[in-house]
PDB file of N, CA and C in Angstrom:
ATOM      1  N   MET A   1       0.832  -1.188   0.007  1.00  0.00           N
ATOM      2  CA  MET A   1      -0.011   0.004   0.012  1.00  0.00           C
ATOM      3  C   MET A   1       0.904   1.247   0.005  1.00  0.00           C
ATOM      4  N   LEU A   2       0.562   2.191  -0.836  1.00  0.00           N
ATOM      5  CA  LEU A   2       1.311   3.420  -0.952  1.00  0.00           C
ATOM      6  C   LEU A   2       0.962   4.403   0.157  1.00  0.00           C
ATOM      7  N   MET A   3       1.919   5.225   0.503  1.00  0.00           N
ATOM      8  CA  MET A   3       1.699   6.253   1.527  1.00  0.00           C
ATOM      9  C   MET A   3       1.122   7.491   0.848  1.00  0.00           C
ATOM     10  N   GLU A   4       0.145   8.101   1.499  1.00  0.00           N
ATOM     11  CA  GLU A   4      -0.432   9.344   1.037  1.00  0.00           C
ATOM     12  C   GLU A   4       0.603  10.451   1.173  1.00  0.00           C
ATOM     13  N   PRO A   5       0.474  11.503   0.330  1.00  0.00           N
ATOM     14  CA  PRO A   5       1.474  12.556   0.365  1.00  0.00           C
ATOM     15  C   PRO A   5       1.541  13.287   1.751  1.00  0.00           C
ATOM     16  N   PHE A   6       0.391  13.473   2.393  1.00  0.00           N
ATOM     17  CA  PHE A   6       0.411  14.116   3.700  1.00  0.00           C
ATOM     18  C   PHE A   6       1.112  13.226   4.725  1.00  0.00           C
ATOM     19  N   ASP A   7       0.889  11.909   4.641  1.00  0.00           N
ATOM     20  CA  ASP A   7       1.560  11.011   5.560  1.00  0.00           C
ATOM     21  C   ASP A   7       3.068  11.012   5.345  1.00  0.00           C
ATOM     22  N   PHE A   8       3.477  11.076   4.090  1.00  0.00           N
ATOM     23  CA  PHE A   8       4.892  11.145   3.825  1.00  0.00           C
ATOM     24  C   PHE A   8       5.516  12.409   4.373  1.00  0.00           C
ATOM     25  N   LEU A   9       4.894  13.551   4.204  1.00  0.00           N
ATOM     26  CA  LEU A   9       5.384  14.795   4.755  1.00  0.00           C
ATOM     27  C   LEU A   9       5.432  14.764   6.302  1.00  0.00           C
ATOM     28  N   ASN A  10       4.412  14.126   6.865  1.00  0.00           N
ATOM     29  CA  ASN A  10       4.362  13.976   8.325  1.00  0.00           C
ATOM     30  C   ASN A  10       5.528  13.135   8.836  1.00  0.00           C
ATOM     31  N   HIS A  11       5.804  12.016   8.165  1.00  0.00           N
ATOM     32  CA  HIS A  11       6.907  11.165   8.527  1.00  0.00           C
ATOM     33  C   HIS A  11       8.243  11.887   8.360  1.00  0.00           C
ATOM     34  N   LEU A  12       8.399  12.613   7.252  1.00  0.00           N
ATOM     35  CA  LEU A  12       9.608  13.317   6.964  1.00  0.00           C
ATOM     36  C   LEU A  12       9.841  14.460   8.015  1.00  0.00           C
ATOM     37  N   ALA A  13       8.803  15.181   8.372  1.00  0.00           N
ATOM     38  CA  ALA A  13       8.932  16.224   9.402  1.00  0.00           C
ATOM     39  C   ALA A  13       9.300  15.611  10.763  1.00  0.00           C
ATOM     40  N   ASN A  14       8.654  14.536  11.133  1.00  0.00           N
ATOM     41  CA  ASN A  14       8.962  13.913  12.414  1.00  0.00           C
ATOM     42  C   ASN A  14      10.338  13.277  12.434  1.00  0.00           C
ATOM     43  N   PHE A  15      10.867  12.904  11.270  1.00  0.00           N
ATOM     44  CA  PHE A  15      12.203  12.339  11.165  1.00  0.00           C
ATOM     45  C   PHE A  15      13.239  13.428  11.525  1.00  0.00           C
ATOM     46  N   PHE A  16      12.995  14.670  11.118  1.00  0.00           N
ATOM     47  CA  PHE A  16      13.966  15.731  11.366  1.00  0.00           C
ATOM     48  C   PHE A  16      13.673  16.595  12.599  1.00  0.00           C
ATOM     49  N   VAL A  17      12.576  16.440  13.299  1.00  0.00           N
ATOM     50  CA  VAL A  17      12.300  17.232  14.458  1.00  0.00           C
ATOM     51  C   VAL A  17      13.372  17.144  15.510  1.00  0.00           C
ATOM     52  N   PRO A  18      13.890  15.982  15.880  1.00  0.00           N
ATOM     53  CA  PRO A  18      14.955  15.956  16.907  1.00  0.00           C
ATOM     54  C   PRO A  18      16.213  16.719  16.498  1.00  0.00           C
ATOM     55  N   ALA A  19      16.558  16.665  15.233  1.00  0.00           N
ATOM     56  CA  ALA A  19      17.701  17.374  14.738  1.00  0.00           C
ATOM     57  C   ALA A  19      17.516  18.890  14.824  1.00  0.00           C
ATOM     58  N   LEU A  20      16.330  19.369  14.452  1.00  0.00           N
ATOM     59  CA  LEU A  20      16.070  20.779  14.487  1.00  0.00           C
ATOM     60  C   LEU A  20      15.954  21.290  15.929  1.00  0.00           C
ATOM     61  N   ALA A  21      15.281  20.544  16.782  1.00  0.00           N
ATOM     62  CA  ALA A  21      15.112  20.932  18.167  1.00  0.00           C
ATOM     63  C   ALA A  21      16.449  20.974  18.906  1.00  0.00           C
ATOM     64  N   LEU A  22      17.240  19.978  18.746  1.00  0.00           N
ATOM     65  CA  LEU A  22      18.593  19.953  19.396  1.00  0.00           C
ATOM     66  C   LEU A  22      19.413  21.119  18.938  1.00  0.00           C
ATOM     67  N   GLY A  23      19.447  21.410  17.646  1.00  0.00           N
ATOM     68  CA  GLY A  23      20.204  22.544  17.158  1.00  0.00           C
ATOM     69  C   GLY A  23      19.742  23.875  17.707  1.00  0.00           C
ATOM     70  N   ALA A  24      18.431  24.076  17.791  1.00  0.00           N
ATOM     71  CA  ALA A  24      17.886  25.335  18.294  1.00  0.00           C
ATOM     72  C   ALA A  24      18.142  25.514  19.793  1.00  0.00           C
ATOM     73  N   VAL A  25      17.860  24.427  20.565  1.00  0.00           N
ATOM     74  CA  VAL A  25      18.008  24.559  22.006  1.00  0.00           C
ATOM     75  C   VAL A  25      19.486  24.675  22.409  1.00  0.00           C
ATOM     76  N   ALA A  26      20.355  23.892  21.753  1.00  0.00           N
ATOM     77  CA  ALA A  26      21.766  23.968  22.058  1.00  0.00           C
ATOM     78  C   ALA A  26      22.339  25.345  21.729  1.00  0.00           C
ATOM     79  N   ALA A  27      21.961  25.909  20.606  1.00  0.00           N
ATOM     80  CA  ALA A  27      22.440  27.240  20.239  1.00  0.00           C
ATOM     81  C   ALA A  27      21.966  28.294  21.242  1.00  0.00           C
ATOM     82  N   ALA A  28      20.702  28.189  21.666  1.00  0.00           N
ATOM     83  CA  ALA A  28      20.205  29.168  22.651  1.00  0.00           C
ATOM     84  C   ALA A  28      20.923  29.025  23.984  1.00  0.00           C
ATOM     85  N   LEU A  29      21.157  27.798  24.431  1.00  0.00           N
ATOM     86  CA  LEU A  29      21.873  27.610  25.689  1.00  0.00           C
ATOM     87  C   LEU A  29      23.317  28.077  25.584  1.00  0.00           C
ATOM     88  N   ALA A  30      23.947  27.888  24.444  1.00  0.00           N
ATOM     89  CA  ALA A  30      25.320  28.359  24.255  1.00  0.00           C
ATOM     90  C   ALA A  30      25.370  29.903  24.312  1.00  0.00           C
ATOM     91  N   LYS A  31      24.373  30.544  23.662  1.00  0.00           N
ATOM     92  CA  LYS A  31      24.322  32.012  23.710  1.00  0.00           C
ATOM     93  C   LYS A  31      24.123  32.507  25.149  1.00  0.00           C
ATOM     94  N   VAL A  32      23.384  31.791  25.936  1.00  0.00           N
ATOM     95  CA  VAL A  32      23.152  32.209  27.323  1.00  0.00           C
ATOM     96  C   VAL A  32      24.411  31.956  28.173  1.00  0.00           C
ATOM     97  N   ALA A  33      25.018  30.800  27.991  1.00  0.00           N
ATOM     98  CA  ALA A  33      26.183  30.420  28.791  1.00  0.00           C
ATOM     99  C   ALA A  33      27.431  31.286  28.504  1.00  0.00           C
ATOM    100  N   TRP A  34      27.608  31.602  27.220  1.00  0.00           N
ATOM    101  CA  TRP A  34      28.798  32.409  26.803  1.00  0.00           C
ATOM    102  C   TRP A  34      28.323  33.678  26.134  1.00  0.00           C
ATOM    103  N   ARG A  35      27.551  34.426  26.872  1.00  0.00           N
ATOM    104  CA  ARG A  35      26.926  35.647  26.305  1.00  0.00           C
ATOM    105  C   ARG A  35      27.938  36.618  25.739  1.00  0.00           C
ATOM    106  N   ALA A  36      29.006  36.905  26.459  1.00  0.00           N
ATOM    107  CA  ALA A  36      29.976  37.885  25.942  1.00  0.00           C
ATOM    108  C   ALA A  36      30.780  37.324  24.798  1.00  0.00           C
ATOM    109  N   ASP A  37      31.191  36.072  24.901  1.00  0.00           N
ATOM    110  CA  ASP A  37      32.029  35.500  23.844  1.00  0.00           C
ATOM    111  C   ASP A  37      31.290  35.279  22.532  1.00  0.00           C
ATOM    112  N   LEU A  38      29.956  35.030  22.612  1.00  0.00           N
ATOM    113  CA  LEU A  38      29.176  34.723  21.422  1.00  0.00           C
ATOM    114  C   LEU A  38      28.281  35.881  21.008  1.00  0.00           C
ATOM    115  N   ALA A  39      28.544  37.092  21.532  1.00  0.00           N
ATOM    116  CA  ALA A  39      27.693  38.246  21.187  1.00  0.00           C
ATOM    117  C   ALA A  39      27.649  38.535  19.718  1.00  0.00           C
ATOM    118  N   ALA A  40      28.797  38.325  19.020  1.00  0.00           N
ATOM    119  CA  ALA A  40      28.848  38.647  17.595  1.00  0.00           C
ATOM    120  C   ALA A  40      28.199  37.544  16.721  1.00  0.00           C
ATOM    121  N   GLN A  41      27.948  36.391  17.296  1.00  0.00           N
ATOM    122  CA  GLN A  41      27.367  35.300  16.495  1.00  0.00           C
ATOM    123  C   GLN A  41      25.855  35.318  16.577  1.00  0.00           C
ATOM    124  N   PRO A  42      25.150  35.414  15.474  1.00  0.00           N
ATOM    125  CA  PRO A  42      23.701  35.389  15.521  1.00  0.00           C
ATOM    126  C   PRO A  42      23.174  33.985  15.908  1.00  0.00           C
ATOM    127  N   TRP A  43      22.162  33.996  16.747  1.00  0.00           N
ATOM    128  CA  TRP A  43      21.580  32.721  17.215  1.00  0.00           C
ATOM    129  C   TRP A  43      21.099  31.845  16.044  1.00  0.00           C
ATOM    130  N   TRP A  44      20.413  32.526  15.110  1.00  0.00           N
ATOM    131  CA  TRP A  44      19.809  31.764  14.003  1.00  0.00           C
ATOM    132  C   TRP A  44      20.869  31.058  13.162  1.00  0.00           C
ATOM    133  N   ARG A  45      22.010  31.686  12.987  1.00  0.00           N
ATOM    134  CA  ARG A  45      23.085  31.049  12.168  1.00  0.00           C
ATOM    135  C   ARG A  45      23.674  29.835  12.922  1.00  0.00           C
ATOM    136  N   MET A  46      23.881  30.020  14.210  1.00  0.00           N
ATOM    137  CA  MET A  46      24.435  28.863  15.018  1.00  0.00           C
ATOM    138  C   MET A  46      23.425  27.737  15.043  1.00  0.00           C
ATOM    139  N   ALA A  47      22.150  28.058  15.235  1.00  0.00           N
ATOM    140  CA  ALA A  47      21.108  27.025  15.245  1.00  0.00           C
ATOM    141  C   ALA A  47      20.990  26.324  13.877  1.00  0.00           C
ATOM    142  N   ALA A  48      21.052  27.089  12.813  1.00  0.00           N
ATOM    143  CA  ALA A  48      20.915  26.477  11.478  1.00  0.00           C
ATOM    144  C   ALA A  48      22.075  25.569  11.173  1.00  0.00           C
ATOM    145  N   LEU A  49      23.302  25.978  11.523  1.00  0.00           N
ATOM    146  CA  LEU A  49      24.463  25.089  11.284  1.00  0.00           C
ATOM    147  C   LEU A  49      24.387  23.815  12.096  1.00  0.00           C
ATOM    148  N   ALA A  50      24.013  23.963  13.368  1.00  0.00           N
ATOM    149  CA  ALA A  50      23.904  22.793  14.252  1.00  0.00           C
ATOM    150  C   ALA A  50      22.783  21.868  13.748  1.00  0.00           C
ATOM    151  N   ALA A  51      21.669  22.429  13.346  1.00  0.00           N
ATOM    152  CA  ALA A  51      20.571  21.597  12.832  1.00  0.00           C
ATOM    153  C   ALA A  51      20.922  20.899  11.559  1.00  0.00           C
ATOM    154  N   ALA A  52      21.661  21.580  10.646  1.00  0.00           N
ATOM    155  CA  ALA A  52      22.100  20.936   9.431  1.00  0.00           C
ATOM    156  C   ALA A  52      23.076  19.804   9.699  1.00  0.00           C
ATOM    157  N   ALA A  53      23.985  19.993  10.637  1.00  0.00           N
ATOM    158  CA  ALA A  53      24.907  18.899  10.993  1.00  0.00           C
ATOM    159  C   ALA A  53      24.102  17.738  11.563  1.00  0.00           C
ATOM    160  N   ASN A  54      23.093  18.020  12.365  1.00  0.00           N
ATOM    161  CA  ASN A  54      22.287  16.965  12.971  1.00  0.00           C
ATOM    162  C   ASN A  54      21.457  16.245  11.930  1.00  0.00           C
ATOM    163  N   MET A  55      20.996  16.977  10.908  1.00  0.00           N
ATOM    164  CA  MET A  55      20.238  16.292   9.844  1.00  0.00           C
ATOM    165  C   MET A  55      21.131  15.314   9.044  1.00  0.00           C
ATOM    166  N   VAL A  56      22.356  15.717   8.821  1.00  0.00           N
ATOM    167  CA  VAL A  56      23.313  14.808   8.170  1.00  0.00           C
ATOM    168  C   VAL A  56      23.579  13.597   9.005  1.00  0.00           C
ATOM    169  N   VAL A  57      23.740  13.761  10.295  1.00  0.00           N
ATOM    170  CA  VAL A  57      23.974  12.649  11.191  1.00  0.00           C
ATOM    171  C   VAL A  57      22.720  11.717  11.219  1.00  0.00           C
ATOM    172  N   THR A  58      21.555  12.324  11.216  1.00  0.00           N
ATOM    173  CA  THR A  58      20.294  11.510  11.264  1.00  0.00           C
ATOM    174  C   THR A  58      20.177  10.689   9.986  1.00  0.00           C
ATOM    175  N   ILE A  59      20.492  11.260   8.846  1.00  0.00           N
ATOM    176  CA  ILE A  59      20.446  10.488   7.593  1.00  0.00           C
ATOM    177  C   ILE A  59      21.499   9.426   7.585  1.00  0.00           C
ATOM    178  N   ALA A  60      22.719   9.725   8.075  1.00  0.00           N
ATOM    179  CA  ALA A  60      23.796   8.733   8.141  1.00  0.00           C
ATOM    180  C   ALA A  60      23.401   7.623   9.090  1.00  0.00           C
ATOM    181  N   GLY A  61      22.740   7.953  10.195  1.00  0.00           N
ATOM    182  CA  GLY A  61      22.286   6.901  11.126  1.00  0.00           C
ATOM    183  C   GLY A  61      21.263   5.993  10.512  1.00  0.00           C
ATOM    184  N   LEU A  62      20.352   6.569   9.716  1.00  0.00           N
ATOM    185  CA  LEU A  62      19.347   5.759   9.048  1.00  0.00           C
ATOM    186  C   LEU A  62      19.987   4.839   8.031  1.00  0.00           C
ATOM    187  N   ALA A  63      20.969   5.407   7.266  1.00  0.00           N
ATOM    188  CA  ALA A  63      21.648   4.613   6.244  1.00  0.00           C
ATOM    189  C   ALA A  63      22.541   3.539   6.907  1.00  0.00           C
ATOM    190  N   GLY A  64      23.182   3.875   8.011  1.00  0.00           N
ATOM    191  CA  GLY A  64      24.102   2.900   8.609  1.00  0.00           C
ATOM    192  C   GLY A  64      23.418   1.794   9.415  1.00  0.00           C
ATOM    193  N   PHE A  65      22.346   2.179  10.147  1.00  0.00           N
ATOM    194  CA  PHE A  65      21.683   1.187  11.006  1.00  0.00           C
ATOM    195  C   PHE A  65      20.430   0.584  10.356  1.00  0.00           C
ATOM    196  N   GLY A  66      19.919   1.217   9.317  1.00  0.00           N
ATOM    197  CA  GLY A  66      18.758   0.691   8.651  1.00  0.00           C
ATOM    198  C   GLY A  66      17.442   1.126   9.300  1.00  0.00           C
ATOM    199  N   ARG A  67      17.537   1.914  10.335  1.00  0.00           N
ATOM    200  CA  ARG A  67      16.345   2.471  10.996  1.00  0.00           C
ATOM    201  C   ARG A  67      16.742   3.692  11.777  1.00  0.00           C
ATOM    202  N   ASP A  68      15.782   4.534  12.063  1.00  0.00           N
ATOM    203  CA  ASP A  68      16.093   5.746  12.803  1.00  0.00           C
ATOM    204  C   ASP A  68      15.819   5.528  14.305  1.00  0.00           C
ATOM    205  N   GLY A  69      16.242   6.484  15.074  1.00  0.00           N
ATOM    206  CA  GLY A  69      15.963   6.443  16.507  1.00  0.00           C
ATOM    207  C   GLY A  69      16.934   5.609  17.342  1.00  0.00           C
ATOM    208  N   ARG A  70      18.062   5.234  16.812  1.00  0.00           N
ATOM    209  CA  ARG A  70      19.058   4.465  17.576  1.00  0.00           C
ATOM    210  C   ARG A  70      19.791   5.415  18.535  1.00  0.00           C
ATOM    211  N   MET A  71      20.143   4.923  19.698  1.00  0.00           N
ATOM    212  CA  MET A  71      20.824   5.749  20.675  1.00  0.00           C
ATOM    213  C   MET A  71      22.189   6.203  20.169  1.00  0.00           C
ATOM    214  N   ALA A  72      22.827   5.378  19.343  1.00  0.00           N
ATOM    215  CA  ALA A  72      24.105   5.798  18.815  1.00  0.00           C
ATOM    216  C   ALA A  72      23.961   6.999  17.881  1.00  0.00           C
ATOM    217  N   THR A  73      22.842   7.060  17.149  1.00  0.00           N
ATOM    218  CA  THR A  73      22.576   8.216  16.311  1.00  0.00           C
ATOM    219  C   THR A  73      22.399   9.455  17.128  1.00  0.00           C
ATOM    220  N   TYR A  74      21.653   9.294  18.217  1.00  0.00           N
ATOM    221  CA  TYR A  74      21.399  10.481  19.104  1.00  0.00           C
ATOM    222  C   TYR A  74      22.710  10.953  19.766  1.00  0.00           C
ATOM    223  N   ALA A  75      23.560  10.031  20.148  1.00  0.00           N
ATOM    224  CA  ALA A  75      24.834  10.384  20.707  1.00  0.00           C
ATOM    225  C   ALA A  75      25.727  11.104  19.673  1.00  0.00           C
ATOM    226  N   ALA A  76      25.644  10.653  18.459  1.00  0.00           N
ATOM    227  CA  ALA A  76      26.398  11.323  17.362  1.00  0.00           C
ATOM    228  C   ALA A  76      25.851  12.693  17.089  1.00  0.00           C
ATOM    229  N   MET A  77      24.530  12.865  17.249  1.00  0.00           N
ATOM    230  CA  MET A  77      23.913  14.185  17.070  1.00  0.00           C
ATOM    231  C   MET A  77      24.441  15.157  18.142  1.00  0.00           C
ATOM    232  N   VAL A  78      24.514  14.711  19.407  1.00  0.00           N
ATOM    233  CA  VAL A  78      25.070  15.555  20.459  1.00  0.00           C
ATOM    234  C   VAL A  78      26.517  15.941  20.141  1.00  0.00           C
ATOM    235  N   LEU A  79      27.303  14.974  19.684  1.00  0.00           N
ATOM    236  CA  LEU A  79      28.701  15.296  19.325  1.00  0.00           C
ATOM    237  C   LEU A  79      28.762  16.254  18.157  1.00  0.00           C
ATOM    238  N   ALA A  80      27.962  16.059  17.159  1.00  0.00           N
ATOM    239  CA  ALA A  80      27.942  16.951  15.980  1.00  0.00           C
ATOM    240  C   ALA A  80      27.508  18.335  16.406  1.00  0.00           C
ATOM    241  N   THR A  81      26.538  18.425  17.292  1.00  0.00           N
ATOM    242  CA  THR A  81      26.090  19.775  17.756  1.00  0.00           C
ATOM    243  C   THR A  81      27.198  20.464  18.500  1.00  0.00           C
ATOM    244  N   SER A  82      27.884  19.739  19.402  1.00  0.00           N
ATOM    245  CA  SER A  82      28.973  20.331  20.192  1.00  0.00           C
ATOM    246  C   SER A  82      30.082  20.819  19.286  1.00  0.00           C
ATOM    247  N   VAL A  83      30.502  19.976  18.311  1.00  0.00           N
ATOM    248  CA  VAL A  83      31.595  20.375  17.454  1.00  0.00           C
ATOM    249  C   VAL A  83      31.193  21.531  16.572  1.00  0.00           C
ATOM    250  N   THR A  84      29.979  21.535  16.038  1.00  0.00           N
ATOM    251  CA  THR A  84      29.510  22.660  15.184  1.00  0.00           C
ATOM    252  C   THR A  84      29.436  23.966  15.935  1.00  0.00           C
ATOM    253  N   LEU A  85      28.906  23.948  17.152  1.00  0.00           N
ATOM    254  CA  LEU A  85      28.796  25.176  17.909  1.00  0.00           C
ATOM    255  C   LEU A  85      30.180  25.658  18.356  1.00  0.00           C
ATOM    256  N   TRP A  86      31.039  24.746  18.708  1.00  0.00           N
ATOM    257  CA  TRP A  86      32.428  25.161  19.058  1.00  0.00           C
ATOM    258  C   TRP A  86      33.101  25.788  17.821  1.00  0.00           C
ATOM    259  N   TRP A  87      32.967  25.123  16.670  1.00  0.00           N
ATOM    260  CA  TRP A  87      33.606  25.604  15.455  1.00  0.00           C
ATOM    261  C   TRP A  87      33.096  27.034  15.098  1.00  0.00           C
ATOM    262  N   ARG A  88      31.802  27.216  15.227  1.00  0.00           N
ATOM    263  CA  ARG A  88      31.183  28.513  14.898  1.00  0.00           C
ATOM    264  C   ARG A  88      31.474  29.568  15.945  1.00  0.00           C
ATOM    265  N   GLY A  89      31.483  29.185  17.197  1.00  0.00           N
ATOM    266  CA  GLY A  89      31.654  30.198  18.249  1.00  0.00           C
ATOM    267  C   GLY A  89      33.079  30.489  18.681  1.00  0.00           C
ATOM    268  N   PHE A  90      33.948  29.457  18.672  1.00  0.00           N
ATOM    269  CA  PHE A  90      35.244  29.639  19.235  1.00  0.00           C
ATOM    270  C   PHE A  90      36.393  29.173  18.314  1.00  0.00           C
ATOM    271  N   GLY A  91      36.081  28.376  17.287  1.00  0.00           N
ATOM    272  CA  GLY A  91      37.104  27.795  16.441  1.00  0.00           C
ATOM    273  C   GLY A  91      37.336  28.560  15.186  1.00  0.00           C
ATOM    274  N   PRO A  92      37.846  27.903  14.166  1.00  0.00           N
ATOM    275  CA  PRO A  92      38.207  28.571  12.928  1.00  0.00           C
ATOM    276  C   PRO A  92      36.998  29.155  12.150  1.00  0.00           C
ATOM    277  N   GLY A  93      35.780  28.687  12.437  1.00  0.00           N
ATOM    278  CA  GLY A  93      34.631  29.230  11.726  1.00  0.00           C
ATOM    279  C   GLY A  93      34.110  30.546  12.290  1.00  0.00           C
ATOM    280  N   ARG A  94      34.750  31.001  13.348  1.00  0.00           N
ATOM    281  CA  ARG A  94      34.343  32.289  13.943  1.00  0.00           C
ATOM    282  C   ARG A  94      34.772  33.456  13.061  1.00  0.00           C
ATOM    283  N   ARG A  95      33.856  34.351  12.821  1.00  0.00           N
ATOM    284  CA  ARG A  95      34.178  35.524  11.959  1.00  0.00           C
ATOM    285  C   ARG A  95      33.874  36.779  12.699  1.00  0.00           C
TER     286      ARG A  95
END
């Protein structure tokens, strides 16, 4: 049986919600924790980069494990978020 278009969009959105939420929340918490150091970095750019990295990890987890929602994928998302926010806020990606 084929999936209806709305069902497909619903599944696709729910597949990426953890990646988007983790990127947004982590960027907001980083801006609060390092307010002075990250004053020049816009929140939306940090959140977008972290969410994009998390989406790549989510797709890689699906391809590698054959299903989504594995704890290893979520651990890799936390690592990707940390590295991305560090790179943008304190590393070579800082402008």
